[in-house]
Amino acid sequence: MIIDKKGKVFGKISIIDILIIAIIVFAGVLFLYYQTANKPIPPPPVGQVGNIRITFISLSRPDELAYKIKKGDDVKAMNTEKVYGKVIDVILTDSPYYGYDLDGKVVLSAKPGFKTVTIVVEGRGRYSDSKVFFNNVEYFKNKQLAIVAGRVALWVSVSDITKL
């Protein structure tokens, strides 16, 4: 048998001893996890801090959402609530729609009730010749992310980044 009459496993160690060892190991793992998991991420070791202009574009947004974004609104990352900067310009254009005409040809027209929203934001970030960081996250053209502009949540793509 594995456990004898005295409650020892293989006649050498008791079940209570095994539980105490398991608790000590578990506490050690938790201690190491909390020592390493809660440390802040150091800033990236590239470039210098300065003003950056970043342009976001969001296709086919309903008119009622598009018109709610105003100059001066804060723009934040949706998942972290960290601020990129302030809206300095909002450009609304007709949302493209491809359809067929009566002859069966593909035509481009405006999608009624929808706008393409371009948001120009200025904020502070870290940059070098090849990289741009906001809040220790790297950004580049065509990166897709979720933002909150004012009180409007949008799925956007980065269309341009320039240092000022």
N, C-alpha and C. Protein backbone atom coordinates (compact mmCIF):
# COMPACT_ATOMS: atom_id res chain seq x y z
N MET A 1 0.83 -1.18 0.00
CA MET A 1 0.00 0.00 0.00
C MET A 1 0.87 1.25 0.00
N ILE A 2 0.29 2.32 -0.50
CA ILE A 2 1.02 3.57 -0.56
C ILE A 2 1.05 4.23 0.82
N ILE A 3 -0.09 4.22 1.52
CA ILE A 3 -0.17 4.83 2.85
C ILE A 3 -0.27 3.70 3.88
N ASP A 4 0.62 3.69 4.87
CA ASP A 4 0.59 2.63 5.90
C ASP A 4 -0.34 3.03 7.06
N LYS A 5 -0.38 2.22 8.11
CA LYS A 5 -1.27 2.45 9.25
C LYS A 5 -0.93 3.73 10.02
N LYS A 6 0.30 4.20 9.95
CA LYS A 6 0.71 5.41 10.67
C LYS A 6 0.42 6.68 9.86
N GLY A 7 -0.12 6.52 8.64
CA GLY A 7 -0.43 7.68 7.80
C GLY A 7 0.76 8.20 7.03
N LYS A 8 1.77 7.36 6.85
CA LYS A 8 2.96 7.79 6.12
C LYS A 8 2.94 7.20 4.72
N VAL A 9 3.39 8.02 3.76
CA VAL A 9 3.46 7.58 2.37
C VAL A 9 4.75 6.78 2.20
N PHE A 10 4.63 5.56 1.70
CA PHE A 10 5.74 4.63 1.52
C PHE A 10 6.52 4.41 2.81
N GLY A 11 5.88 4.67 3.94
CA GLY A 11 6.49 4.44 5.24
C GLY A 11 7.54 5.47 5.61
N LYS A 12 7.66 6.58 4.85
CA LYS A 12 8.73 7.54 5.11
C LYS A 12 8.23 8.95 5.46
N ILE A 13 7.19 9.42 4.80
CA ILE A 13 6.75 10.80 4.99
C ILE A 13 5.23 10.81 5.19
N SER A 14 4.74 11.67 6.07
CA SER A 14 3.31 11.70 6.34
C SER A 14 2.59 12.62 5.35
N ILE A 15 1.27 12.43 5.26
CA ILE A 15 0.45 13.25 4.37
C ILE A 15 0.47 14.70 4.82
N ILE A 16 0.48 14.94 6.11
CA ILE A 16 0.53 16.31 6.63
C ILE A 16 1.83 16.99 6.21
N ASP A 17 2.95 16.25 6.24
CA ASP A 17 4.22 16.81 5.78
C ASP A 17 4.14 17.21 4.31
N ILE A 18 3.50 16.39 3.50
CA ILE A 18 3.35 16.70 2.07
C ILE A 18 2.51 17.97 1.89
N LEU A 19 1.43 18.11 2.66
CA LEU A 19 0.60 19.31 2.56
C LEU A 19 1.36 20.56 2.97
N ILE A 20 2.15 20.47 4.03
CA ILE A 20 2.94 21.62 4.48
C ILE A 20 3.96 22.02 3.42
N ILE A 21 4.63 21.04 2.82
CA ILE A 21 5.60 21.33 1.76
C ILE A 21 4.90 21.97 0.56
N ALA A 22 3.71 21.46 0.17
CA ALA A 22 2.96 22.02 -0.96
C ALA A 22 2.56 23.47 -0.69
N ILE A 23 2.15 23.77 0.54
CA ILE A 23 1.76 25.14 0.90
C ILE A 23 2.97 26.08 0.83
N ILE A 24 4.11 25.63 1.31
CA ILE A 24 5.33 26.45 1.26
C ILE A 24 5.75 26.72 -0.18
N VAL A 25 5.70 25.71 -1.03
CA VAL A 25 6.05 25.88 -2.46
C VAL A 25 5.07 26.85 -3.13
N PHE A 26 3.77 26.69 -2.86
CA PHE A 26 2.76 27.57 -3.43
C PHE A 26 2.98 29.02 -2.99
N ALA A 27 3.28 29.23 -1.72
CA ALA A 27 3.54 30.58 -1.22
C ALA A 27 4.78 31.18 -1.88
N GLY A 28 5.80 30.36 -2.10
CA GLY A 28 7.01 30.84 -2.78
C GLY A 28 6.73 31.25 -4.21
N VAL A 29 5.92 30.47 -4.91
CA VAL A 29 5.56 30.81 -6.29
C VAL A 29 4.76 32.11 -6.31
N LEU A 30 3.81 32.27 -5.41
CA LEU A 30 3.05 33.52 -5.34
C LEU A 30 3.94 34.71 -5.04
N PHE A 31 4.87 34.56 -4.13
CA PHE A 31 5.79 35.64 -3.79
C PHE A 31 6.60 36.06 -5.02
N LEU A 32 7.15 35.11 -5.73
CA LEU A 32 7.95 35.43 -6.92
C LEU A 32 7.09 36.07 -8.01
N TYR A 33 5.86 35.62 -8.16
CA TYR A 33 4.97 36.20 -9.16
C TYR A 33 4.71 37.67 -8.85
N TYR A 34 4.36 37.98 -7.61
CA TYR A 34 4.08 39.37 -7.26
C TYR A 34 5.32 40.25 -7.28
N GLN A 35 6.49 39.69 -7.07
CA GLN A 35 7.72 40.47 -7.15
C GLN A 35 8.04 40.86 -8.59
N THR A 36 7.69 40.02 -9.55
CA THR A 36 8.04 40.29 -10.95
C THR A 36 6.88 40.87 -11.74
N ALA A 37 5.64 40.54 -11.44
CA ALA A 37 4.50 40.94 -12.26
C ALA A 37 4.10 42.40 -12.08
N ASN A 38 4.34 43.00 -10.95
CA ASN A 38 3.87 44.35 -10.69
C ASN A 38 4.92 45.44 -10.96
N LYS A 39 6.01 45.07 -11.57
CA LYS A 39 7.03 46.08 -11.87
C LYS A 39 6.63 46.84 -13.13
N PRO A 40 6.76 48.17 -13.12
CA PRO A 40 6.40 48.94 -14.31
C PRO A 40 7.38 48.67 -15.45
N ILE A 41 6.87 48.81 -16.65
CA ILE A 41 7.70 48.62 -17.83
C ILE A 41 8.58 49.86 -17.99
N PRO A 42 9.89 49.68 -18.12
CA PRO A 42 10.75 50.85 -18.28
C PRO A 42 10.53 51.49 -19.64
N PRO A 43 10.78 52.79 -19.76
CA PRO A 43 10.60 53.44 -21.05
C PRO A 43 11.57 52.85 -22.08
N PRO A 44 11.16 52.84 -23.32
CA PRO A 44 12.04 52.29 -24.35
C PRO A 44 13.31 53.12 -24.47
N PRO A 45 14.43 52.48 -24.67
CA PRO A 45 15.70 53.20 -24.69
C PRO A 45 16.01 53.83 -26.04
N VAL A 46 15.03 54.41 -26.71
CA VAL A 46 15.28 55.02 -28.01
C VAL A 46 14.79 56.45 -28.02
N GLY A 47 15.47 57.27 -28.80
CA GLY A 47 15.00 58.60 -29.12
C GLY A 47 14.85 59.56 -27.97
N GLN A 48 14.12 60.61 -28.27
CA GLN A 48 13.90 61.67 -27.31
C GLN A 48 12.42 61.97 -27.19
N VAL A 49 12.04 62.64 -26.11
CA VAL A 49 10.64 62.98 -25.87
C VAL A 49 10.35 64.30 -26.58
N GLY A 50 9.20 64.35 -27.23
CA GLY A 50 8.82 65.57 -27.92
C GLY A 50 7.37 65.51 -28.36
N ASN A 51 6.93 66.57 -29.05
CA ASN A 51 5.57 66.63 -29.56
C ASN A 51 5.45 65.81 -30.84
N ILE A 52 4.36 65.06 -30.92
CA ILE A 52 4.13 64.18 -32.05
C ILE A 52 2.70 64.38 -32.53
N ARG A 53 2.53 64.39 -33.84
CA ARG A 53 1.19 64.45 -34.44
C ARG A 53 0.90 63.07 -35.03
N ILE A 54 -0.22 62.49 -34.64
CA ILE A 54 -0.61 61.18 -35.12
C ILE A 54 -2.01 61.30 -35.73
N THR A 55 -2.19 60.70 -36.90
CA THR A 55 -3.46 60.77 -37.61
C THR A 55 -4.10 59.38 -37.63
N PHE A 56 -5.32 59.32 -37.11
CA PHE A 56 -6.09 58.08 -37.10
C PHE A 56 -7.19 58.18 -38.14
N ILE A 57 -7.53 57.05 -38.76
CA ILE A 57 -8.64 57.02 -39.71
C ILE A 57 -9.56 55.85 -39.37
N SER A 58 -10.86 56.11 -39.42
CA SER A 58 -11.86 55.10 -39.12
C SER A 58 -12.90 55.13 -40.24
N LEU A 59 -13.08 54.01 -40.89
CA LEU A 59 -13.97 53.94 -42.04
C LEU A 59 -15.40 53.60 -41.63
N SER A 60 -16.36 54.17 -42.35
CA SER A 60 -17.79 53.84 -42.23
C SER A 60 -18.32 53.90 -40.81
N ARG A 61 -18.25 55.06 -40.21
CA ARG A 61 -18.83 55.30 -38.89
C ARG A 61 -20.19 55.98 -39.08
N PRO A 62 -21.19 55.61 -38.29
CA PRO A 62 -22.49 56.28 -38.39
C PRO A 62 -22.35 57.78 -38.14
N ASP A 63 -23.16 58.56 -38.89
CA ASP A 63 -23.10 60.03 -38.78
C ASP A 63 -23.21 60.52 -37.35
N GLU A 64 -24.12 59.92 -36.56
CA GLU A 64 -24.34 60.43 -35.20
C GLU A 64 -23.11 60.27 -34.32
N LEU A 65 -22.25 59.28 -34.59
CA LEU A 65 -21.00 59.14 -33.84
C LEU A 65 -19.94 60.09 -34.39
N ALA A 66 -19.85 60.17 -35.69
CA ALA A 66 -18.81 60.99 -36.32
C ALA A 66 -18.92 62.46 -35.91
N TYR A 67 -20.13 62.97 -35.80
CA TYR A 67 -20.31 64.38 -35.47
C TYR A 67 -20.10 64.69 -33.99
N LYS A 68 -19.96 63.68 -33.14
CA LYS A 68 -19.75 63.91 -31.71
C LYS A 68 -18.29 64.20 -31.36
N ILE A 69 -17.36 63.92 -32.27
CA ILE A 69 -15.93 64.15 -31.99
C ILE A 69 -15.62 65.62 -32.28
N LYS A 70 -15.06 66.29 -31.31
CA LYS A 70 -14.80 67.74 -31.42
C LYS A 70 -13.33 68.05 -31.19
N LYS A 71 -12.88 69.18 -31.72
CA LYS A 71 -11.53 69.66 -31.46
C LYS A 71 -11.38 69.89 -29.95
N GLY A 72 -10.21 69.51 -29.41
CA GLY A 72 -9.95 69.68 -27.98
C GLY A 72 -10.29 68.46 -27.15
N ASP A 73 -11.00 67.48 -27.73
CA ASP A 73 -11.31 66.25 -26.99
C ASP A 73 -10.03 65.47 -26.71
N ASP A 74 -9.98 64.81 -25.55
CA ASP A 74 -8.87 63.89 -25.25
C ASP A 74 -9.04 62.62 -26.08
N VAL A 75 -7.90 62.08 -26.51
CA VAL A 75 -7.89 60.79 -27.21
C VAL A 75 -7.11 59.83 -26.34
N LYS A 76 -7.77 58.70 -25.98
CA LYS A 76 -7.17 57.72 -25.07
C LYS A 76 -7.16 56.35 -25.70
N ALA A 77 -6.24 55.52 -25.23
CA ALA A 77 -6.26 54.11 -25.60
C ALA A 77 -7.43 53.47 -24.87
N MET A 78 -8.22 52.67 -25.58
CA MET A 78 -9.41 52.11 -24.96
C MET A 78 -9.09 51.14 -23.83
N ASN A 79 -8.05 50.34 -24.00
CA ASN A 79 -7.77 49.31 -23.00
C ASN A 79 -7.02 49.83 -21.78
N THR A 80 -6.25 50.91 -21.91
CA THR A 80 -5.46 51.39 -20.77
C THR A 80 -5.91 52.75 -20.24
N GLU A 81 -6.74 53.47 -20.99
CA GLU A 81 -7.20 54.81 -20.61
C GLU A 81 -6.06 55.83 -20.57
N LYS A 82 -4.90 55.51 -21.13
CA LYS A 82 -3.80 56.47 -21.17
C LYS A 82 -4.01 57.42 -22.35
N VAL A 83 -3.75 58.70 -22.12
CA VAL A 83 -4.05 59.74 -23.09
C VAL A 83 -2.93 59.88 -24.11
N TYR A 84 -3.30 59.88 -25.40
CA TYR A 84 -2.34 60.16 -26.48
C TYR A 84 -2.13 61.66 -26.62
N GLY A 85 -3.21 62.41 -26.53
CA GLY A 85 -3.14 63.85 -26.71
C GLY A 85 -4.53 64.41 -26.95
N LYS A 86 -4.57 65.57 -27.59
CA LYS A 86 -5.85 66.25 -27.86
C LYS A 86 -6.12 66.29 -29.35
N VAL A 87 -7.40 66.25 -29.70
CA VAL A 87 -7.82 66.36 -31.09
C VAL A 87 -7.57 67.79 -31.56
N ILE A 88 -6.83 67.94 -32.65
CA ILE A 88 -6.62 69.28 -33.21
C ILE A 88 -7.41 69.47 -34.50
N ASP A 89 -7.86 68.35 -35.11
CA ASP A 89 -8.67 68.46 -36.32
C ASP A 89 -9.47 67.18 -36.51
N VAL A 90 -10.69 67.35 -37.00
CA VAL A 90 -11.56 66.22 -37.34
C VAL A 90 -12.01 66.44 -38.78
N ILE A 91 -11.74 65.48 -39.64
CA ILE A 91 -12.09 65.59 -41.05
C ILE A 91 -13.11 64.48 -41.35
N LEU A 92 -14.29 64.89 -41.78
CA LEU A 92 -15.35 63.94 -42.12
C LEU A 92 -15.54 63.93 -43.63
N THR A 93 -15.46 62.76 -44.22
CA THR A 93 -15.68 62.61 -45.65
C THR A 93 -16.72 61.52 -45.88
N ASP A 94 -17.29 61.53 -47.07
CA ASP A 94 -18.28 60.49 -47.39
C ASP A 94 -17.62 59.12 -47.32
N SER A 95 -18.36 58.17 -46.78
CA SER A 95 -17.86 56.81 -46.67
C SER A 95 -18.02 56.12 -48.03
N PRO A 96 -16.95 55.53 -48.56
CA PRO A 96 -17.06 54.91 -49.88
C PRO A 96 -17.91 53.65 -49.86
N TYR A 97 -18.66 53.47 -50.93
CA TYR A 97 -19.50 52.29 -51.06
C TYR A 97 -19.41 51.83 -52.51
N TYR A 98 -19.07 50.59 -52.68
CA TYR A 98 -19.00 50.02 -54.03
C TYR A 98 -20.26 49.20 -54.27
N GLY A 99 -20.91 49.46 -55.39
CA GLY A 99 -22.13 48.74 -55.74
C GLY A 99 -22.22 48.58 -57.24
N TYR A 100 -23.32 48.04 -57.70
CA TYR A 100 -23.53 47.83 -59.13
C TYR A 100 -24.58 48.79 -59.64
N ASP A 101 -24.36 49.30 -60.86
CA ASP A 101 -25.37 50.13 -61.49
C ASP A 101 -26.31 49.25 -62.30
N LEU A 102 -27.23 49.85 -63.03
CA LEU A 102 -28.23 49.09 -63.79
C LEU A 102 -27.60 48.27 -64.92
N ASP A 103 -26.41 48.66 -65.36
CA ASP A 103 -25.72 47.92 -66.42
C ASP A 103 -24.82 46.82 -65.86
N GLY A 104 -24.78 46.66 -64.53
CA GLY A 104 -23.96 45.62 -63.93
C GLY A 104 -22.52 46.03 -63.70
N LYS A 105 -22.19 47.30 -63.90
CA LYS A 105 -20.83 47.79 -63.69
C LYS A 105 -20.65 48.19 -62.21
N VAL A 106 -19.45 47.97 -61.70
CA VAL A 106 -19.13 48.38 -60.34
C VAL A 106 -18.93 49.88 -60.31
N VAL A 107 -19.64 50.55 -59.40
CA VAL A 107 -19.52 52.00 -59.27
C VAL A 107 -19.21 52.36 -57.82
N LEU A 108 -18.53 53.48 -57.64
CA LEU A 108 -18.21 54.00 -56.32
C LEU A 108 -19.20 55.11 -55.99
N SER A 109 -19.81 55.02 -54.82
CA SER A 109 -20.72 56.07 -54.40
C SER A 109 -20.58 56.27 -52.89
N ALA A 110 -21.26 57.27 -52.38
CA ALA A 110 -21.21 57.55 -50.94
C ALA A 110 -22.25 56.68 -50.23
N LYS A 111 -21.86 56.14 -49.08
CA LYS A 111 -22.78 55.33 -48.29
C LYS A 111 -23.62 56.27 -47.43
N PRO A 112 -24.92 56.32 -47.64
CA PRO A 112 -25.75 57.27 -46.89
C PRO A 112 -25.77 56.96 -45.40
N GLY A 113 -25.65 58.03 -44.59
CA GLY A 113 -25.71 57.89 -43.13
C GLY A 113 -24.40 57.51 -42.49
N PHE A 114 -23.33 57.42 -43.27
CA PHE A 114 -22.03 57.02 -42.74
C PHE A 114 -20.94 57.98 -43.22
N LYS A 115 -19.92 58.14 -42.39
CA LYS A 115 -18.78 59.00 -42.71
C LYS A 115 -17.48 58.26 -42.43
N THR A 116 -16.44 58.63 -43.17
CA THR A 116 -15.08 58.22 -42.84
C THR A 116 -14.51 59.33 -41.97
N VAL A 117 -14.01 58.95 -40.79
CA VAL A 117 -13.54 59.93 -39.81
C VAL A 117 -12.02 59.92 -39.77
N THR A 118 -11.42 61.08 -39.99
CA THR A 118 -9.98 61.24 -39.84
C THR A 118 -9.75 62.17 -38.65
N ILE A 119 -9.00 61.67 -37.66
CA ILE A 119 -8.76 62.44 -36.43
C ILE A 119 -7.27 62.74 -36.35
N VAL A 120 -6.92 64.01 -36.25
CA VAL A 120 -5.53 64.44 -36.09
C VAL A 120 -5.32 64.81 -34.63
N VAL A 121 -4.33 64.17 -34.00
CA VAL A 121 -4.08 64.31 -32.57
C VAL A 121 -2.64 64.78 -32.36
N GLU A 122 -2.45 65.70 -31.43
CA GLU A 122 -1.10 66.11 -31.02
C GLU A 122 -0.91 65.74 -29.56
N GLY A 123 0.26 65.17 -29.28
CA GLY A 123 0.58 64.78 -27.91
C GLY A 123 2.07 64.62 -27.73
N ARG A 124 2.46 64.22 -26.53
CA ARG A 124 3.87 64.00 -26.22
C ARG A 124 4.18 62.52 -26.35
N GLY A 125 5.31 62.23 -26.95
CA GLY A 125 5.74 60.85 -27.10
C GLY A 125 7.24 60.78 -27.25
N ARG A 126 7.73 59.58 -27.42
CA ARG A 126 9.17 59.35 -27.59
C ARG A 126 9.38 58.90 -29.03
N TYR A 127 10.39 59.47 -29.69
CA TYR A 127 10.60 59.14 -31.09
C TYR A 127 12.08 59.08 -31.44
N SER A 128 12.35 58.35 -32.49
CA SER A 128 13.67 58.32 -33.12
C SER A 128 13.43 58.30 -34.62
N ASP A 129 14.46 58.02 -35.39
CA ASP A 129 14.28 58.00 -36.84
C ASP A 129 13.36 56.87 -37.31
N SER A 130 13.30 55.79 -36.56
CA SER A 130 12.54 54.64 -37.04
C SER A 130 11.38 54.23 -36.14
N LYS A 131 11.25 54.81 -34.94
CA LYS A 131 10.22 54.37 -34.01
C LYS A 131 9.54 55.55 -33.34
N VAL A 132 8.26 55.33 -32.97
CA VAL A 132 7.50 56.31 -32.20
C VAL A 132 6.79 55.56 -31.09
N PHE A 133 6.87 56.08 -29.86
CA PHE A 133 6.24 55.45 -28.71
C PHE A 133 5.32 56.44 -28.02
N PHE A 134 4.10 55.98 -27.69
CA PHE A 134 3.19 56.68 -26.79
C PHE A 134 2.97 55.74 -25.63
N ASN A 135 3.18 56.21 -24.41
CA ASN A 135 2.93 55.40 -23.21
C ASN A 135 3.63 54.04 -23.29
N ASN A 136 4.86 54.05 -23.75
CA ASN A 136 5.70 52.85 -23.85
C ASN A 136 5.18 51.78 -24.81
N VAL A 137 4.32 52.18 -25.75
CA VAL A 137 3.82 51.26 -26.77
C VAL A 137 4.24 51.80 -28.13
N GLU A 138 4.80 50.93 -28.97
CA GLU A 138 5.30 51.36 -30.28
C GLU A 138 4.13 51.55 -31.25
N TYR A 139 4.19 52.63 -32.03
CA TYR A 139 3.18 52.92 -33.04
C TYR A 139 3.85 53.10 -34.39
N PHE A 140 3.12 52.74 -35.44
CA PHE A 140 3.63 52.83 -36.80
C PHE A 140 2.44 52.94 -37.73
N LYS A 141 2.68 53.32 -38.99
CA LYS A 141 1.60 53.46 -39.96
C LYS A 141 0.92 52.11 -40.16
N ASN A 142 -0.39 52.16 -40.30
CA ASN A 142 -1.28 51.01 -40.53
C ASN A 142 -1.52 50.17 -39.28
N LYS A 143 -1.00 50.56 -38.13
CA LYS A 143 -1.32 49.84 -36.90
C LYS A 143 -2.80 50.06 -36.60
N GLN A 144 -3.49 49.00 -36.22
CA GLN A 144 -4.90 49.11 -35.89
C GLN A 144 -5.08 48.99 -34.39
N LEU A 145 -5.97 49.82 -33.84
CA LEU A 145 -6.19 49.83 -32.41
C LEU A 145 -7.54 50.45 -32.08
N ALA A 146 -7.96 50.29 -30.86
CA ALA A 146 -9.21 50.88 -30.38
C ALA A 146 -8.87 52.11 -29.55
N ILE A 147 -9.55 53.22 -29.85
CA ILE A 147 -9.34 54.47 -29.11
C ILE A 147 -10.69 55.01 -28.64
N VAL A 148 -10.60 55.98 -27.73
CA VAL A 148 -11.77 56.75 -27.31
C VAL A 148 -11.44 58.21 -27.56
N ALA A 149 -12.22 58.84 -28.45
CA ALA A 149 -12.04 60.26 -28.76
C ALA A 149 -13.23 61.00 -28.17
N GLY A 150 -12.97 61.80 -27.13
CA GLY A 150 -14.09 62.42 -26.41
C GLY A 150 -14.88 61.33 -25.72
N ARG A 151 -16.12 61.12 -26.17
CA ARG A 151 -16.96 60.05 -25.60
C ARG A 151 -17.31 59.00 -26.66
N VAL A 152 -16.54 58.96 -27.74
CA VAL A 152 -16.82 58.05 -28.85
C VAL A 152 -15.71 57.01 -28.95
N ALA A 153 -16.09 55.74 -28.92
CA ALA A 153 -15.13 54.65 -29.08
C ALA A 153 -15.05 54.28 -30.56
N LEU A 154 -13.82 54.13 -31.06
CA LEU A 154 -13.62 53.84 -32.48
C LEU A 154 -12.54 52.79 -32.67
N TRP A 155 -12.70 51.99 -33.71
CA TRP A 155 -11.64 51.11 -34.18
C TRP A 155 -10.97 51.87 -35.31
N VAL A 156 -9.66 52.16 -35.17
CA VAL A 156 -8.96 53.03 -36.12
C VAL A 156 -7.70 52.37 -36.64
N SER A 157 -7.16 53.00 -37.67
CA SER A 157 -5.87 52.64 -38.22
C SER A 157 -5.01 53.91 -38.20
N VAL A 158 -3.74 53.76 -37.89
CA VAL A 158 -2.83 54.90 -37.91
C VAL A 158 -2.46 55.19 -39.36
N SER A 159 -2.79 56.40 -39.84
CA SER A 159 -2.48 56.71 -41.24
C SER A 159 -1.23 57.57 -41.39
N ASP A 160 -0.84 58.29 -40.32
CA ASP A 160 0.36 59.12 -40.42
C ASP A 160 0.87 59.44 -39.01
N ILE A 161 2.20 59.52 -38.89
CA ILE A 161 2.84 59.95 -37.64
C ILE A 161 3.98 60.89 -38.03
N THR A 162 3.99 62.07 -37.42
CA THR A 162 5.08 63.02 -37.67
C THR A 162 5.52 63.65 -36.37
N LYS A 163 6.81 63.92 -36.27
CA LYS A 163 7.29 64.65 -35.09
C LYS A 163 7.27 66.13 -35.41
N LEU A 164 6.94 66.93 -34.41
CA LEU A 164 6.80 68.37 -34.61
C LEU A 164 8.02 69.12 -34.17
